[in-house]
Amino acid sequence: MNVNRIVRIIAGFFILLSLTLAHFSGQVDLSHVSWLWFTAFVGANLFQSGFTTFCPMDIFLRKLGVPDSSGTCKL
């Protein structure tokens, strides 16, 4: 695993954790359709992409011609 994948896993986990804590503390009602489901989708996608390296946004940006950052700065 590299730093990029670990960052995706941690970011996705924190998004999902914050939604879960807000739901169970009564601040957010996830039983209704709302924009919070979009937030849950983004968090789940970040989390899974850290393990599988599949990210739809990566594919979309590459098709738009955005260059990879792999060759610009190496530690």
Protein backbone atom coordinates (compact mmCIF):
# COMPACT_ATOMS: atom_id res chain seq x y z
CA MET A 1 0.00 0.00 0.00
CA ASN A 2 1.13 3.50 -0.74
CA VAL A 3 0.31 6.80 0.93
CA ASN A 4 -2.38 7.71 -1.62
CA ARG A 5 -4.32 4.49 -0.97
CA ILE A 6 -4.04 4.85 2.81
CA VAL A 7 -5.27 8.46 2.62
CA ARG A 8 -8.31 7.31 0.61
CA ILE A 9 -9.10 4.60 3.14
CA ILE A 10 -8.82 6.94 6.12
CA ALA A 11 -10.80 9.75 4.44
CA GLY A 12 -13.59 7.37 3.45
CA PHE A 13 -13.66 5.85 6.92
CA PHE A 14 -13.93 9.26 8.59
CA ILE A 15 -16.76 10.36 6.30
CA LEU A 16 -18.71 7.17 7.00
CA LEU A 17 -17.93 7.38 10.72
CA SER A 18 -19.14 10.97 10.99
CA LEU A 19 -22.40 10.10 9.20
CA THR A 20 -22.90 7.09 11.47
CA LEU A 21 -22.24 9.09 14.64
CA ALA A 22 -24.55 11.90 13.50
CA HIS A 23 -27.28 9.38 12.65
CA PHE A 24 -27.13 7.53 15.96
CA SER A 25 -26.95 10.74 18.00
CA GLY A 26 -30.20 11.88 16.38
CA GLN A 27 -28.76 14.81 14.44
CA VAL A 28 -29.24 13.21 11.02
CA ASP A 29 -32.12 11.07 9.78
CA LEU A 30 -30.76 8.77 7.08
CA SER A 31 -34.12 7.03 6.66
CA HIS A 32 -35.26 9.87 4.39
CA VAL A 33 -33.90 10.56 0.94
CA SER A 34 -31.46 13.43 1.24
CA TRP A 35 -28.13 14.73 0.04
CA LEU A 36 -26.48 12.87 2.91
CA TRP A 37 -26.79 9.68 0.87
CA PHE A 38 -24.49 11.34 -1.67
CA THR A 39 -22.00 11.96 1.14
CA ALA A 40 -22.30 8.30 2.16
CA PHE A 41 -21.66 7.25 -1.45
CA VAL A 42 -18.53 9.41 -1.66
CA GLY A 43 -17.24 8.03 1.65
CA ALA A 44 -17.89 4.43 0.63
CA ASN A 45 -16.25 5.02 -2.75
CA LEU A 46 -13.16 6.54 -1.12
CA PHE A 47 -12.95 3.64 1.32
CA GLN A 48 -13.27 0.91 -1.32
CA SER A 49 -10.94 2.66 -3.78
CA GLY A 50 -8.19 2.54 -1.19
CA PHE A 51 -8.38 -1.25 -1.23
CA THR A 52 -9.27 -1.93 -4.88
CA THR A 53 -7.70 1.11 -6.64
CA PHE A 54 -10.93 1.42 -8.69
CA CYS A 55 -12.24 4.97 -8.69
CA PRO A 56 -14.79 6.20 -11.24
CA MET A 57 -13.55 9.79 -10.86
CA ASP A 58 -10.03 8.70 -11.87
CA ILE A 59 -11.42 7.16 -15.06
CA PHE A 60 -13.55 10.22 -15.79
CA LEU A 61 -10.66 12.66 -15.31
CA ARG A 62 -8.29 10.58 -17.47
CA LYS A 63 -10.87 10.59 -20.29
CA LEU A 64 -11.01 14.38 -19.99
CA GLY A 65 -7.25 14.47 -20.50
CA VAL A 66 -6.12 15.38 -17.00
CA PRO A 67 -2.54 14.14 -16.60
CA ASP A 68 -1.46 11.72 -13.90
CA SER A 69 0.55 13.25 -11.07
CA SER A 70 2.80 10.20 -10.76
CA GLY A 71 5.72 11.78 -12.63
CA THR A 72 5.67 15.31 -11.23
CA CYS A 73 7.03 14.96 -7.70
CA LYS A 74 8.78 11.95 -6.20
CA LEU A 75 9.96 11.58 -2.64
